[in-house]
C-alpha atoms as a PDB file:
ATOM      1  CA  MET A   1      -9.525   7.585 -27.935  1.00  0.00           C
ATOM      2  CA  THR A   2     -10.983   6.641 -24.572  1.00  0.00           C
ATOM      3  CA  GLU A   3      -8.544   7.244 -21.752  1.00  0.00           C
ATOM      4  CA  LYS A   4      -7.870   4.388 -19.348  1.00  0.00           C
ATOM      5  CA  TYR A   5      -6.251   5.389 -16.067  1.00  0.00           C
ATOM      6  CA  ASP A   6      -4.479   3.189 -13.533  1.00  0.00           C
ATOM      7  CA  LEU A   7      -2.996   5.337 -10.796  1.00  0.00           C
ATOM      8  CA  HIS A   8      -1.642   2.758  -8.354  1.00  0.00           C
ATOM      9  CA  CYS A   9       0.789  -0.064  -9.142  1.00  0.00           C
ATOM     10  CA  HIS A  10       4.115  -1.502  -8.023  1.00  0.00           C
ATOM     11  CA  SER A  11       7.330  -2.674  -9.653  1.00  0.00           C
ATOM     12  CA  ASN A  12      10.096  -4.869  -8.291  1.00  0.00           C
ATOM     13  CA  LEU A  13      11.735  -1.759  -6.873  1.00  0.00           C
ATOM     14  CA  SER A  14       9.313  -2.208  -3.969  1.00  0.00           C
ATOM     15  CA  ASP A  15       7.087  -5.268  -3.528  1.00  0.00           C
ATOM     16  CA  GLY A  16       5.994  -5.893  -7.108  1.00  0.00           C
ATOM     17  CA  VAL A  17       7.267  -8.652  -9.382  1.00  0.00           C
ATOM     18  CA  LEU A  18       7.764  -6.914 -12.736  1.00  0.00           C
ATOM     19  CA  SER A  19      10.544  -4.478 -13.536  1.00  0.00           C
ATOM     20  CA  PRO A  20       9.486  -0.907 -14.359  1.00  0.00           C
ATOM     21  CA  THR A  21      10.020  -1.737 -18.031  1.00  0.00           C
ATOM     22  CA  GLU A  22       7.872  -4.863 -17.884  1.00  0.00           C
ATOM     23  CA  LEU A  23       5.214  -3.044 -15.888  1.00  0.00           C
ATOM     24  CA  VAL A  24       4.799  -0.232 -18.418  1.00  0.00           C
ATOM     25  CA  GLN A  25       4.815  -2.688 -21.304  1.00  0.00           C
ATOM     26  CA  ARG A  26       2.101  -4.751 -19.647  1.00  0.00           C
ATOM     27  CA  ALA A  27       0.049  -1.640 -18.971  1.00  0.00           C
ATOM     28  CA  HIS A  28       0.315  -0.731 -22.659  1.00  0.00           C
ATOM     29  CA  GLU A  29      -0.815  -4.239 -23.639  1.00  0.00           C
ATOM     30  CA  GLN A  30      -3.806  -3.881 -21.325  1.00  0.00           C
ATOM     31  CA  GLY A  31      -4.852  -0.640 -22.981  1.00  0.00           C
ATOM     32  CA  VAL A  32      -3.815   1.669 -20.141  1.00  0.00           C
ATOM     33  CA  THR A  33      -3.201   5.168 -21.488  1.00  0.00           C
ATOM     34  CA  ALA A  34      -2.158   6.854 -18.232  1.00  0.00           C
ATOM     35  CA  LEU A  35      -0.202   4.950 -15.585  1.00  0.00           C
ATOM     36  CA  ALA A  36       1.153   6.028 -12.208  1.00  0.00           C
ATOM     37  CA  LEU A  37       4.055   3.995 -10.845  1.00  0.00           C
ATOM     38  CA  THR A  38       3.604   4.230  -7.073  1.00  0.00           C
ATOM     39  CA  ASP A  39       6.243   2.068  -5.449  1.00  0.00           C
ATOM     40  CA  HIS A  40       6.345   1.955  -1.662  1.00  0.00           C
ATOM     41  CA  ASP A  41       8.525   4.729  -0.250  1.00  0.00           C
ATOM     42  CA  THR A  42      10.758   4.996  -3.323  1.00  0.00           C
ATOM     43  CA  THR A  43      10.878   6.701  -6.695  1.00  0.00           C
ATOM     44  CA  ALA A  44      13.795   4.600  -7.937  1.00  0.00           C
ATOM     45  CA  GLY A  45      11.856   3.052 -10.827  1.00  0.00           C
ATOM     46  CA  LEU A  46      10.592   6.250 -12.412  1.00  0.00           C
ATOM     47  CA  VAL A  47      13.539   6.961 -14.714  1.00  0.00           C
ATOM     48  CA  GLU A  48      13.365   3.512 -16.296  1.00  0.00           C
ATOM     49  CA  ALA A  49       9.584   3.587 -16.492  1.00  0.00           C
ATOM     50  CA  THR A  50       9.600   7.007 -18.155  1.00  0.00           C
ATOM     51  CA  LYS A  51      11.847   5.791 -20.981  1.00  0.00           C
ATOM     52  CA  VAL A  52       9.555   2.863 -21.777  1.00  0.00           C
ATOM     53  CA  ALA A  53       6.439   4.998 -21.455  1.00  0.00           C
ATOM     54  CA  THR A  54       7.822   7.370 -24.076  1.00  0.00           C
ATOM     55  CA  GLN A  55       8.416   4.446 -26.435  1.00  0.00           C
ATOM     56  CA  THR A  56       4.965   2.907 -25.950  1.00  0.00           C
ATOM     57  CA  GLY A  57       2.909   6.091 -25.807  1.00  0.00           C
ATOM     58  CA  VAL A  58       1.737   5.487 -22.244  1.00  0.00           C
ATOM     59  CA  ARG A  59       1.462   8.698 -20.234  1.00  0.00           C
ATOM     60  CA  LEU A  60       3.525   8.018 -17.134  1.00  0.00           C
ATOM     61  CA  ILE A  61       2.592   9.912 -13.977  1.00  0.00           C
ATOM     62  CA  ALA A  62       5.369  10.165 -11.422  1.00  0.00           C
ATOM     63  CA  GLY A  63       4.095   8.674  -8.210  1.00  0.00           C
ATOM     64  CA  ILE A  64       4.912   7.122  -4.859  1.00  0.00           C
ATOM     65  CA  GLU A  65       3.062   5.349  -2.051  1.00  0.00           C
ATOM     66  CA  LEU A  66       4.249   6.672   1.282  1.00  0.00           C
ATOM     67  CA  SER A  67       3.824   4.827   4.554  1.00  0.00           C
ATOM     68  CA  ALA A  68       2.436   7.110   7.238  1.00  0.00           C
ATOM     69  CA  SER A  69       1.365   6.923  10.869  1.00  0.00           C
ATOM     70  CA  TRP A  70      -1.801   8.446  12.302  1.00  0.00           C
ATOM     71  CA  GLN A  71      -3.374   7.731  15.676  1.00  0.00           C
ATOM     72  CA  ASP A  72      -1.246   4.563  16.070  1.00  0.00           C
ATOM     73  CA  LYS A  73      -2.483   3.332  12.701  1.00  0.00           C
ATOM     74  CA  THR A  74      -0.444   2.714   9.548  1.00  0.00           C
ATOM     75  CA  LEU A  75      -1.814   4.331   6.421  1.00  0.00           C
ATOM     76  CA  HIS A  76      -0.698   4.499   2.817  1.00  0.00           C
ATOM     77  CA  ILE A  77      -0.769   7.839   1.023  1.00  0.00           C
ATOM     78  CA  VAL A  78      -0.305   7.851  -2.742  1.00  0.00           C
ATOM     79  CA  GLY A  79       1.391  10.860  -4.311  1.00  0.00           C
ATOM     80  CA  LEU A  80       0.513  11.617  -7.933  1.00  0.00           C
ATOM     81  CA  GLY A  81       2.274  14.069 -10.222  1.00  0.00           C
ATOM     82  CA  ILE A  82       5.157  14.499  -7.806  1.00  0.00           C
ATOM     83  CA  ASP A  83       8.609  15.884  -8.496  1.00  0.00           C
ATOM     84  CA  PRO A  84      10.817  12.894  -7.621  1.00  0.00           C
ATOM     85  CA  ASP A  85      13.831  15.196  -7.358  1.00  0.00           C
ATOM     86  CA  TYR A  86      12.293  17.406  -4.666  1.00  0.00           C
ATOM     87  CA  PRO A  87      15.050  17.333  -1.979  1.00  0.00           C
ATOM     88  CA  PRO A  88      12.868  16.799   1.135  1.00  0.00           C
ATOM     89  CA  LEU A  89      11.059  13.934  -0.593  1.00  0.00           C
ATOM     90  CA  LEU A  90      14.357  12.360  -1.661  1.00  0.00           C
ATOM     91  CA  GLU A  91      15.647  12.599   1.906  1.00  0.00           C
ATOM     92  CA  ALA A  92      12.402  11.142   3.223  1.00  0.00           C
ATOM     93  CA  THR A  93      12.642   8.094   0.953  1.00  0.00           C
ATOM     94  CA  ARG A  94      16.179   7.438   2.172  1.00  0.00           C
ATOM     95  CA  ASP A  95      15.023   7.624   5.784  1.00  0.00           C
ATOM     96  CA  LEU A  96      12.098   5.305   5.047  1.00  0.00           C
ATOM     97  CA  GLN A  97      14.459   2.742   3.553  1.00  0.00           C
ATOM     98  CA  VAL A  98      16.409   2.712   6.820  1.00  0.00           C
ATOM     99  CA  ILE A  99      13.162   2.169   8.737  1.00  0.00           C
ATOM    100  CA  ARG A 100      12.250  -0.712   6.441  1.00  0.00           C
ATOM    101  CA  LEU A 101      15.657  -2.363   6.896  1.00  0.00           C
ATOM    102  CA  GLU A 102      15.433  -2.071  10.674  1.00  0.00           C
ATOM    103  CA  ARG A 103      11.940  -3.570  10.577  1.00  0.00           C
ATOM    104  CA  ALA A 104      13.191  -6.445   8.417  1.00  0.00           C
ATOM    105  CA  GLU A 105      15.904  -7.250  10.958  1.00  0.00           C
ATOM    106  CA  GLN A 106      13.329  -7.276  13.758  1.00  0.00           C
ATOM    107  CA  ILE A 107      10.921  -9.486  11.801  1.00  0.00           C
ATOM    108  CA  ALA A 108      13.719 -11.956  11.096  1.00  0.00           C
ATOM    109  CA  ALA A 109      14.646 -12.018  14.787  1.00  0.00           C
ATOM    110  CA  LYS A 110      11.045 -12.793  15.732  1.00  0.00           C
ATOM    111  CA  LEU A 111      10.881 -15.602  13.194  1.00  0.00           C
ATOM    112  CA  GLU A 112      14.144 -16.956  14.594  1.00  0.00           C
ATOM    113  CA  LYS A 113      12.470 -17.188  17.998  1.00  0.00           C
ATOM    114  CA  LYS A 114       9.756 -19.265  16.342  1.00  0.00           C
ATOM    115  CA  ARG A 115      12.459 -21.644  15.109  1.00  0.00           C
ATOM    116  CA  ILE A 116      12.354 -20.294  11.572  1.00  0.00           C
ATOM    117  CA  PRO A 117      15.988 -19.357  10.828  1.00  0.00           C
ATOM    118  CA  GLY A 118      17.583 -17.781   7.757  1.00  0.00           C
ATOM    119  CA  ALA A 119      14.866 -15.269   6.964  1.00  0.00           C
ATOM    120  CA  LEU A 120      16.963 -12.109   6.765  1.00  0.00           C
ATOM    121  CA  GLU A 121      19.570 -13.638   4.472  1.00  0.00           C
ATOM    122  CA  ALA A 122      16.883 -15.061   2.199  1.00  0.00           C
ATOM    123  CA  VAL A 123      14.793 -11.894   1.896  1.00  0.00           C
ATOM    124  CA  THR A 124      17.885  -9.731   1.403  1.00  0.00           C
ATOM    125  CA  LYS A 125      18.923 -11.932  -1.497  1.00  0.00           C
ATOM    126  CA  ALA A 126      15.406 -11.984  -2.929  1.00  0.00           C
ATOM    127  CA  ALA A 127      15.033  -8.207  -2.717  1.00  0.00           C
ATOM    128  CA  GLY A 128      18.350  -7.488  -4.424  1.00  0.00           C
ATOM    129  CA  ASP A 129      18.615  -3.749  -5.060  1.00  0.00           C
ATOM    130  CA  SER A 130      14.998  -3.139  -4.086  1.00  0.00           C
ATOM    131  CA  MET A 131      13.641  -2.652  -0.582  1.00  0.00           C
ATOM    132  CA  ILE A 132      12.738  -5.504   1.732  1.00  0.00           C
ATOM    133  CA  THR A 133       9.009  -5.706   2.417  1.00  0.00           C
ATOM    134  CA  ARG A 134       6.764  -8.055   4.360  1.00  0.00           C
ATOM    135  CA  THR A 135       5.851  -9.654   1.041  1.00  0.00           C
ATOM    136  CA  HIS A 136       9.431 -10.925   0.772  1.00  0.00           C
ATOM    137  CA  PHE A 137       9.029 -12.540   4.178  1.00  0.00           C
ATOM    138  CA  ALA A 138       5.719 -14.055   3.098  1.00  0.00           C
ATOM    139  CA  ASP A 139       7.386 -15.572   0.032  1.00  0.00           C
ATOM    140  CA  PHE A 140      10.183 -16.932   2.240  1.00  0.00           C
ATOM    141  CA  LEU A 141       7.679 -18.594   4.575  1.00  0.00           C
ATOM    142  CA  VAL A 142       5.929 -20.164   1.584  1.00  0.00           C
ATOM    143  CA  SER A 143       9.234 -21.418   0.129  1.00  0.00           C
ATOM    144  CA  GLN A 144      10.124 -23.059   3.445  1.00  0.00           C
ATOM    145  CA  ASN A 145       6.697 -24.731   3.663  1.00  0.00           C
ATOM    146  CA  HIS A 146       5.736 -22.951   6.861  1.00  0.00           C
ATOM    147  CA  VAL A 147       2.582 -21.635   5.179  1.00  0.00           C
ATOM    148  CA  SER A 148       0.620 -22.482   2.050  1.00  0.00           C
ATOM    149  CA  ASN A 149       0.479 -19.033   0.442  1.00  0.00           C
ATOM    150  CA  GLN A 150       1.191 -15.327   0.997  1.00  0.00           C
ATOM    151  CA  GLN A 151      -2.111 -14.623   2.690  1.00  0.00           C
ATOM    152  CA  ASP A 152      -1.545 -17.517   5.065  1.00  0.00           C
ATOM    153  CA  ALA A 153       1.853 -16.021   5.922  1.00  0.00           C
ATOM    154  CA  PHE A 154       0.253 -12.729   6.909  1.00  0.00           C
ATOM    155  CA  ASP A 155      -2.593 -14.417   8.758  1.00  0.00           C
ATOM    156  CA  ARG A 156      -0.262 -16.606  10.821  1.00  0.00           C
ATOM    157  CA  TYR A 157       2.924 -14.563  11.188  1.00  0.00           C
ATOM    158  CA  LEU A 158       3.116 -11.087   9.635  1.00  0.00           C
ATOM    159  CA  ALA A 159      -0.156  -9.247  10.215  1.00  0.00           C
ATOM    160  CA  LYS A 160      -0.745  -6.989  13.194  1.00  0.00           C
ATOM    161  CA  GLY A 161      -1.008  -9.019  16.375  1.00  0.00           C
ATOM    162  CA  LYS A 162       0.781 -12.045  14.898  1.00  0.00           C
ATOM    163  CA  PRO A 163       4.111 -13.460  16.156  1.00  0.00           C
ATOM    164  CA  ALA A 164       6.411 -11.776  13.617  1.00  0.00           C
ATOM    165  CA  TYR A 165       4.594  -8.455  13.288  1.00  0.00           C
ATOM    166  CA  VAL A 166       6.718  -5.370  13.841  1.00  0.00           C
ATOM    167  CA  ALA A 167       5.196  -1.899  14.021  1.00  0.00           C
ATOM    168  CA  ALA A 168       7.341   0.623  12.189  1.00  0.00           C
ATOM    169  CA  ALA A 169       7.672   4.274  13.162  1.00  0.00           C
ATOM    170  CA  TRP A 170       6.569   5.802   9.881  1.00  0.00           C
ATOM    171  CA  ALA A 171       6.331   9.532   9.242  1.00  0.00           C
ATOM    172  CA  ASP A 172       3.340  11.400  10.647  1.00  0.00           C
ATOM    173  CA  LEU A 173       0.425  11.827   8.255  1.00  0.00           C
ATOM    174  CA  ASP A 174       0.892  15.609   8.076  1.00  0.00           C
ATOM    175  CA  LEU A 175       4.530  15.222   7.096  1.00  0.00           C
ATOM    176  CA  ALA A 176       3.860  12.577   4.431  1.00  0.00           C
ATOM    177  CA  VAL A 177       1.150  14.708   2.819  1.00  0.00           C
ATOM    178  CA  ASN A 178       3.428  17.747   2.962  1.00  0.00           C
ATOM    179  CA  TRP A 179       6.246  15.937   1.132  1.00  0.00           C
ATOM    180  CA  ILE A 180       3.841  15.131  -1.673  1.00  0.00           C
ATOM    181  CA  THR A 181       2.140  18.497  -1.978  1.00  0.00           C
ATOM    182  CA  GLN A 182       5.324  20.545  -1.638  1.00  0.00           C
ATOM    183  CA  SER A 183       6.843  18.496  -4.480  1.00  0.00           C
ATOM    184  CA  GLY A 184       3.957  19.615  -6.671  1.00  0.00           C
ATOM    185  CA  GLY A 185       1.924  16.434  -6.317  1.00  0.00           C
ATOM    186  CA  VAL A 186      -1.567  15.462  -5.203  1.00  0.00           C
ATOM    187  CA  ALA A 187      -1.946  13.390  -2.018  1.00  0.00           C
ATOM    188  CA  VAL A 188      -4.490  10.538  -2.170  1.00  0.00           C
ATOM    189  CA  VAL A 189      -5.659   8.170   0.569  1.00  0.00           C
ATOM    190  CA  ALA A 190      -4.932   4.691  -0.808  1.00  0.00           C
ATOM    191  CA  HIS A 191      -7.500   1.848  -0.525  1.00  0.00           C
ATOM    192  CA  PRO A 192      -9.416   3.593   2.293  1.00  0.00           C
ATOM    193  CA  LEU A 193     -11.660   0.674   3.219  1.00  0.00           C
ATOM    194  CA  ARG A 194      -8.742  -1.687   3.754  1.00  0.00           C
ATOM    195  CA  TYR A 195      -7.961  -0.048   7.097  1.00  0.00           C
ATOM    196  CA  LYS A 196     -11.279  -1.341   8.445  1.00  0.00           C
ATOM    197  CA  LEU A 197     -12.031   1.907  10.236  1.00  0.00           C
ATOM    198  CA  THR A 198     -15.469   2.618  11.622  1.00  0.00           C
ATOM    199  CA  PRO A 199     -17.314   5.534   9.982  1.00  0.00           C
ATOM    200  CA  LYS A 200     -16.440   7.666  13.015  1.00  0.00           C
ATOM    201  CA  TRP A 201     -12.730   6.923  12.664  1.00  0.00           C
ATOM    202  CA  MET A 202     -12.819   7.363   8.879  1.00  0.00           C
ATOM    203  CA  ASN A 203     -14.357  10.787   9.348  1.00  0.00           C
ATOM    204  CA  ARG A 204     -11.564  11.675  11.762  1.00  0.00           C
ATOM    205  CA  LEU A 205      -8.931  10.438   9.336  1.00  0.00           C
ATOM    206  CA  LEU A 206     -10.297  12.316   6.346  1.00  0.00           C
ATOM    207  CA  THR A 207     -10.685  15.476   8.415  1.00  0.00           C
ATOM    208  CA  ALA A 208      -7.014  15.277   9.418  1.00  0.00           C
ATOM    209  CA  PHE A 209      -6.010  14.393   5.851  1.00  0.00           C
ATOM    210  CA  LYS A 210      -7.822  17.414   4.409  1.00  0.00           C
ATOM    211  CA  LEU A 211      -6.329  19.737   7.030  1.00  0.00           C
ATOM    212  CA  ALA A 212      -2.871  18.467   6.070  1.00  0.00           C
ATOM    213  CA  GLY A 213      -3.498  19.356   2.426  1.00  0.00           C
ATOM    214  CA  GLY A 214      -4.754  16.030   1.042  1.00  0.00           C
ATOM    215  CA  GLN A 215      -6.935  16.275  -2.057  1.00  0.00           C
ATOM    216  CA  GLY A 216      -7.916  12.782  -3.159  1.00  0.00           C
ATOM    217  CA  ILE A 217      -9.200   9.354  -2.178  1.00  0.00           C
ATOM    218  CA  GLU A 218      -9.139   6.059  -4.045  1.00  0.00           C
ATOM    219  CA  VAL A 219     -12.738   5.323  -4.944  1.00  0.00           C
ATOM    220  CA  VAL A 220     -12.077   2.408  -7.303  1.00  0.00           C
ATOM    221  CA  THR A 221      -9.452  -0.204  -6.419  1.00  0.00           C
ATOM    222  CA  GLY A 222      -8.394  -3.532  -7.875  1.00  0.00           C
ATOM    223  CA  ARG A 223     -10.710  -5.837  -5.929  1.00  0.00           C
ATOM    224  CA  CYS A 224     -13.530  -3.559  -4.845  1.00  0.00           C
ATOM    225  CA  ASN A 225     -17.193  -4.290  -5.449  1.00  0.00           C
ATOM    226  CA  VAL A 226     -20.066  -1.944  -6.226  1.00  0.00           C
ATOM    227  CA  ASP A 227     -20.987  -1.472  -2.567  1.00  0.00           C
ATOM    228  CA  GLU A 228     -17.402  -0.565  -1.655  1.00  0.00           C
ATOM    229  CA  ILE A 229     -17.216   1.925  -4.529  1.00  0.00           C
ATOM    230  CA  ASN A 230     -20.409   3.543  -3.286  1.00  0.00           C
ATOM    231  CA  VAL A 231     -19.055   3.835   0.262  1.00  0.00           C
ATOM    232  CA  ALA A 232     -15.770   5.372  -0.908  1.00  0.00           C
ATOM    233  CA  ALA A 233     -17.666   7.718  -3.242  1.00  0.00           C
ATOM    234  CA  LYS A 234     -19.776   8.972  -0.336  1.00  0.00           C
ATOM    235  CA  TYR A 235     -16.606   9.838   1.579  1.00  0.00           C
ATOM    236  CA  ALA A 236     -15.239  11.633  -1.487  1.00  0.00           C
ATOM    237  CA  ILE A 237     -18.389  13.727  -1.739  1.00  0.00           C
ATOM    238  CA  ALA A 238     -18.654  14.422   1.982  1.00  0.00           C
ATOM    239  CA  PHE A 239     -15.066  15.660   2.212  1.00  0.00           C
ATOM    240  CA  GLU A 240     -14.883  17.225  -1.263  1.00  0.00           C
ATOM    241  CA  LEU A 241     -12.060  14.923  -2.328  1.00  0.00           C
ATOM    242  CA  ALA A 242     -11.211  14.031  -5.900  1.00  0.00           C
ATOM    243  CA  GLY A 243     -11.616  10.355  -6.753  1.00  0.00           C
ATOM    244  CA  SER A 244      -8.787   8.140  -7.925  1.00  0.00           C
ATOM    245  CA  VAL A 245      -8.726   4.728  -9.594  1.00  0.00           C
ATOM    246  CA  GLY A 246      -5.895   2.240  -9.146  1.00  0.00           C
ATOM    247  CA  SER A 247      -5.472  -1.502  -9.445  1.00  0.00           C
ATOM    248  CA  ASP A 248      -2.697  -1.773  -6.819  1.00  0.00           C
ATOM    249  CA  PHE A 249      -1.158  -4.276  -9.223  1.00  0.00           C
ATOM    250  CA  HIS A 250       1.798  -6.285  -7.903  1.00  0.00           C
ATOM    251  CA  ASN A 251       2.012  -9.652  -9.620  1.00  0.00           C
ATOM    252  CA  PRO A 252       0.747 -11.021 -12.951  1.00  0.00           C
ATOM    253  CA  ALA A 253       0.236 -14.386 -11.237  1.00  0.00           C
ATOM    254  CA  ASN A 254      -2.690 -12.883  -9.326  1.00  0.00           C
ATOM    255  CA  PRO A 255      -5.729 -13.475 -11.573  1.00  0.00           C
ATOM    256  CA  TRP A 256      -7.942 -11.115  -9.589  1.00  0.00           C
ATOM    257  CA  ILE A 257      -5.961  -7.927 -10.155  1.00  0.00           C
ATOM    258  CA  GLU A 258      -4.788  -6.665 -13.533  1.00  0.00           C
ATOM    259  CA  LEU A 259      -3.479  -3.335 -14.762  1.00  0.00           C
ATOM    260  CA  GLY A 260      -6.330  -1.236 -16.057  1.00  0.00           C
ATOM    261  CA  ARG A 261      -9.022  -3.752 -15.104  1.00  0.00           C
ATOM    262  CA  LEU A 262     -11.069  -1.278 -13.091  1.00  0.00           C
ATOM    263  CA  ALA A 263     -14.641  -0.153 -12.747  1.00  0.00           C
ATOM    264  CA  SER A 264     -15.458   3.360 -13.925  1.00  0.00           C
ATOM    265  CA  LEU A 265     -15.226   6.257 -11.537  1.00  0.00           C
ATOM    266  CA  PRO A 266     -18.774   7.340 -10.584  1.00  0.00           C
ATOM    267  CA  VAL A 267     -19.840  10.278 -12.737  1.00  0.00           C
ATOM    268  CA  ASN A 268     -20.592  12.483  -9.728  1.00  0.00           C
ATOM    269  CA  ILE A 269     -17.010  12.273  -8.479  1.00  0.00           C
ATOM    270  CA  LYS A 270     -14.346  14.764  -9.610  1.00  0.00           C
ATOM    271  CA  PRO A 271     -11.508  12.756 -11.249  1.00  0.00           C
ATOM    272  CA  VAL A 272      -8.183  13.224  -9.485  1.00  0.00           C
ATOM    273  CA  TRP A 273      -6.329  13.460 -12.797  1.00  0.00           C
ATOM    274  CA  GLU A 274      -7.984  16.813 -13.439  1.00  0.00           C
ATOM    275  CA  LEU A 275      -5.762  18.145 -10.644  1.00  0.00           C
ATOM    276  CA  PHE A 276      -2.446  17.308 -12.296  1.00  0.00           C
ATOM    277  CA  ILE A 277      -2.962  16.704 -16.024  1.00  0.00           C
END
């Protein structure tokens, strides 16, 4: 049987739409044989996802996507094959939830100044037991007819430099990578081209990432094209990083991104799953 990996996706325990159960079931329906649940700054969905994975035959890889700061930039570092019960990682996720709540309160206050009231109450209700993310605010702005869609919400209010943007004090890159590696996992730079770094800055980032103990980089992502795959592959080769593949799936309503719908990892790139499977 041909293996189909998807090593980056989100449930409704962070900013996804599907429950961990629904997510694993959908992955199974899409032919995914190995799935990593990588919710933002939490491992809360892994127990539920593991039960369903056992029932469906999907190989579930314990994962997380940690928010990290480096050179005044926010990065996302995926951890694959982690131990979700590793005490420092558990403590870190609790601290990150506090940071996210404080950021949510500040975003709501900024929207209030723009004569858009009620945001915090609405996003808190929408998030339920999961964390509040900027996506919840985007959905709120859409529901109140302030914007036409999620992307419009980020472009007008929530992205860096916009009226409701709030910079969070995430953990340093070294610390985030350490939490992952010390828990037995592999640290991977998520969607590296999304940060829009120049080649010079990308080289600096990957140098720092390697020195911290990072081992992988996402070469194939949900909406990348051939040229982008080639660029990411060149970075993987230059820095001797294993290549990962991940859809970054959030919502089945998005027709452009689907679990397991990914290009093949270039044959000259070492697959990241060889490091933990």
